[in-house]
Amino acid sequence: LDLKVKTLLPVHWGKFTLALHTWDEPITRLTIKADKIGLKLTTPMIGEQVIIDSLYPVKQWWLKN
């Protein structure tokens, strides 16, 4: 918020289980907070393209169907 970003791209989550919390807890908490404060969030799958000012994947692929 201080940096006045247009879109938040979280990195370094979901690839390895290295913490005491579940692998998807950081993105779950961040998604809730971003929605609450109205911050645009992009959540590409590992290897998926993000094209600045054009393509921002938003699918919540980590959620179970």
Protein backbone atom coordinates (compact mmCIF):
# COMPACT_ATOMS: atom_id res chain seq x y z
CA LEU A 1 0.00 0.00 0.00
CA ASP A 2 2.85 2.37 0.81
CA LEU A 3 4.35 1.74 -2.64
CA LYS A 4 1.00 2.37 -4.37
CA VAL A 5 1.31 -0.81 -6.45
CA LYS A 6 -1.29 -1.60 -9.09
CA THR A 7 -1.02 -5.39 -8.73
CA LEU A 8 0.58 -7.66 -6.14
CA LEU A 9 2.47 -10.74 -7.37
CA PRO A 10 3.30 -12.99 -4.41
CA VAL A 11 6.41 -15.13 -4.86
CA HIS A 12 8.19 -17.94 -3.03
CA TRP A 13 5.10 -19.76 -1.80
CA GLY A 14 3.68 -23.15 -2.71
CA LYS A 15 6.77 -24.74 -4.20
CA PHE A 16 8.20 -26.36 -1.07
CA THR A 17 6.80 -27.32 2.33
CA LEU A 18 9.42 -25.78 4.62
CA ALA A 19 7.39 -24.22 7.40
CA LEU A 20 5.15 -25.33 10.24
CA HIS A 21 2.04 -24.12 8.39
CA THR A 22 0.42 -25.76 5.38
CA TRP A 23 1.89 -24.91 1.98
CA ASP A 24 -1.17 -22.88 0.94
CA GLU A 25 -1.69 -20.86 4.13
CA PRO A 26 0.31 -17.79 2.98
CA ILE A 27 -1.65 -17.37 -0.26
CA THR A 28 -4.97 -18.08 1.44
CA ARG A 29 -4.31 -15.37 4.04
CA LEU A 30 -3.03 -12.96 1.40
CA THR A 31 -6.03 -13.51 -0.88
CA ILE A 32 -8.42 -12.72 1.96
CA LYS A 33 -6.48 -9.59 2.96
CA ALA A 34 -6.09 -8.32 -0.62
CA ASP A 35 -9.82 -8.71 -1.20
CA LYS A 36 -10.59 -6.92 2.07
CA ILE A 37 -8.46 -3.89 1.23
CA GLY A 38 -9.23 -3.86 -2.52
CA LEU A 39 -5.72 -4.75 -3.73
CA LYS A 40 -5.46 -6.46 -7.13
CA LEU A 41 -3.67 -9.79 -6.81
CA THR A 42 -2.24 -11.99 -9.56
CA THR A 43 -1.70 -15.68 -8.85
CA PRO A 44 -0.04 -17.42 -11.79
CA MET A 45 0.73 -21.11 -11.62
CA ILE A 46 4.43 -21.98 -11.55
CA GLY A 47 5.67 -21.21 -15.06
CA GLU A 48 2.54 -19.31 -16.15
CA GLN A 49 3.10 -15.99 -17.91
CA VAL A 50 2.37 -12.59 -16.44
CA ILE A 51 2.48 -9.75 -18.98
CA ILE A 52 2.73 -6.34 -17.31
CA ASP A 53 -0.25 -4.08 -18.07
CA SER A 54 -1.84 -6.88 -20.10
CA LEU A 55 -2.17 -10.36 -18.60
CA TYR A 56 -2.60 -11.04 -14.88
CA PRO A 57 -3.72 -14.61 -14.07
CA VAL A 58 -6.19 -14.64 -11.17
CA LYS A 59 -7.36 -18.26 -11.03
CA GLN A 60 -7.15 -19.64 -7.50
CA TRP A 61 -5.59 -22.90 -8.70
CA TRP A 62 -4.49 -24.04 -5.24
CA LEU A 63 -8.09 -24.42 -4.02
CA LYS A 64 -9.60 -27.88 -4.14
CA ASN A 65 -12.64 -28.20 -6.39
